C-alpha cells in the first residue's frame, strides 16, 4: 500500500498495519472489528464521528512513513 487516502477502507489500513488502530481509537472509532469497518472508507467513518478525514489520513501516513 503506497499511501492511505480518505477513500481507503478502514479494514485495509488495519490489515496493512494493525498498529494504526490507535489512531481510530483516539477519535472514538472503537468498533474496528464490526462490519462497518470492513466496508467503510476513512472519509465515511470520519463523517459519522465528526472528525476531519484529512487530518486523520495525514496522521496515519506520517506514522506509516516513520515505522
Protein backbone atom coordinates (compact mmCIF):
# COMPACT_ATOMS: atom_id res chain seq x y z
CA UNK A 1 0.00 0.00 0.00
CA UNK A 2 1.57 3.29 -1.08
CA UNK A 3 -0.40 5.95 0.75
CA UNK A 4 -3.59 5.96 2.75
CA UNK A 5 -6.31 8.21 1.35
CA UNK A 6 -9.77 9.23 2.51
CA UNK A 7 -11.14 6.54 0.20
CA UNK A 8 -9.11 3.75 1.79
CA UNK A 9 -11.23 1.16 3.56
CA UNK A 10 -10.54 1.06 7.31
CA UNK A 11 -10.07 -2.71 7.36
CA UNK A 12 -7.45 -2.44 4.59
CA UNK A 13 -5.48 0.01 6.73
CA UNK A 14 -5.68 -2.30 9.74
CA UNK A 15 -4.60 -5.33 7.72
CA UNK A 16 -1.65 -3.39 6.30
CA UNK A 17 -0.52 -2.28 9.76
CA UNK A 18 -2.54 -3.27 12.84
CA UNK A 19 -0.73 -0.62 14.90
CA UNK A 20 -2.79 2.04 13.08
CA UNK A 21 -5.75 1.03 15.26
CA UNK A 22 -4.55 3.55 17.85
CA UNK A 23 -5.48 6.43 15.55
CA UNK A 24 -9.02 5.16 15.10
CA UNK A 25 -9.42 4.56 18.83
CA UNK A 26 -8.22 8.10 19.59
CA UNK A 27 -11.12 9.60 17.67
CA UNK A 28 -13.78 7.30 19.08
CA UNK A 29 -13.86 4.57 16.46
CA UNK A 30 -13.88 1.63 18.86
CA UNK A 31 -15.75 -0.89 16.73
CA UNK A 32 -12.92 -1.74 14.34
CA UNK A 33 -13.99 -5.35 14.06
CA UNK A 34 -17.59 -4.59 13.15
CA UNK A 35 -18.95 -4.99 9.61
CA UNK A 36 -18.89 -1.23 9.03
CA UNK A 37 -15.09 -1.16 9.32
CA UNK A 38 -14.86 -3.87 6.69
CA UNK A 39 -16.54 -1.77 4.04
CA UNK A 40 -16.37 1.81 5.26
CA UNK A 41 -13.86 4.32 3.96
CA UNK A 42 -11.93 6.58 6.30
CA UNK A 43 -13.90 9.54 4.96
CA UNK A 44 -17.25 7.87 5.64
CA UNK A 45 -16.26 6.91 9.19
CA UNK A 46 -14.90 10.38 9.92
CA UNK A 47 -18.15 11.95 8.75
CA UNK A 48 -20.11 9.77 11.18
CA UNK A 49 -17.73 10.57 14.04
CA UNK A 50 -17.40 14.29 13.29
CA UNK A 51 -13.67 14.10 12.59
CA UNK A 52 -11.60 15.78 9.87
CA UNK A 53 -10.66 12.97 7.47
CA UNK A 54 -7.67 14.86 6.03
CA UNK A 55 -6.12 15.21 9.48
CA UNK A 56 -6.59 11.54 10.28
CA UNK A 57 -5.14 10.45 6.93
CA UNK A 58 -2.14 12.70 7.50
CA UNK A 59 -1.52 11.23 10.96
CA UNK A 60 -1.74 7.67 9.67
CA UNK A 61 0.55 8.33 6.70
CA UNK A 62 3.11 10.07 8.92
CA UNK A 63 3.05 7.07 11.26
CA UNK A 64 3.47 4.63 8.39
CA UNK A 65 6.31 6.65 6.87
CA UNK A 66 8.21 6.53 10.16
CA UNK A 67 7.64 2.88 11.05
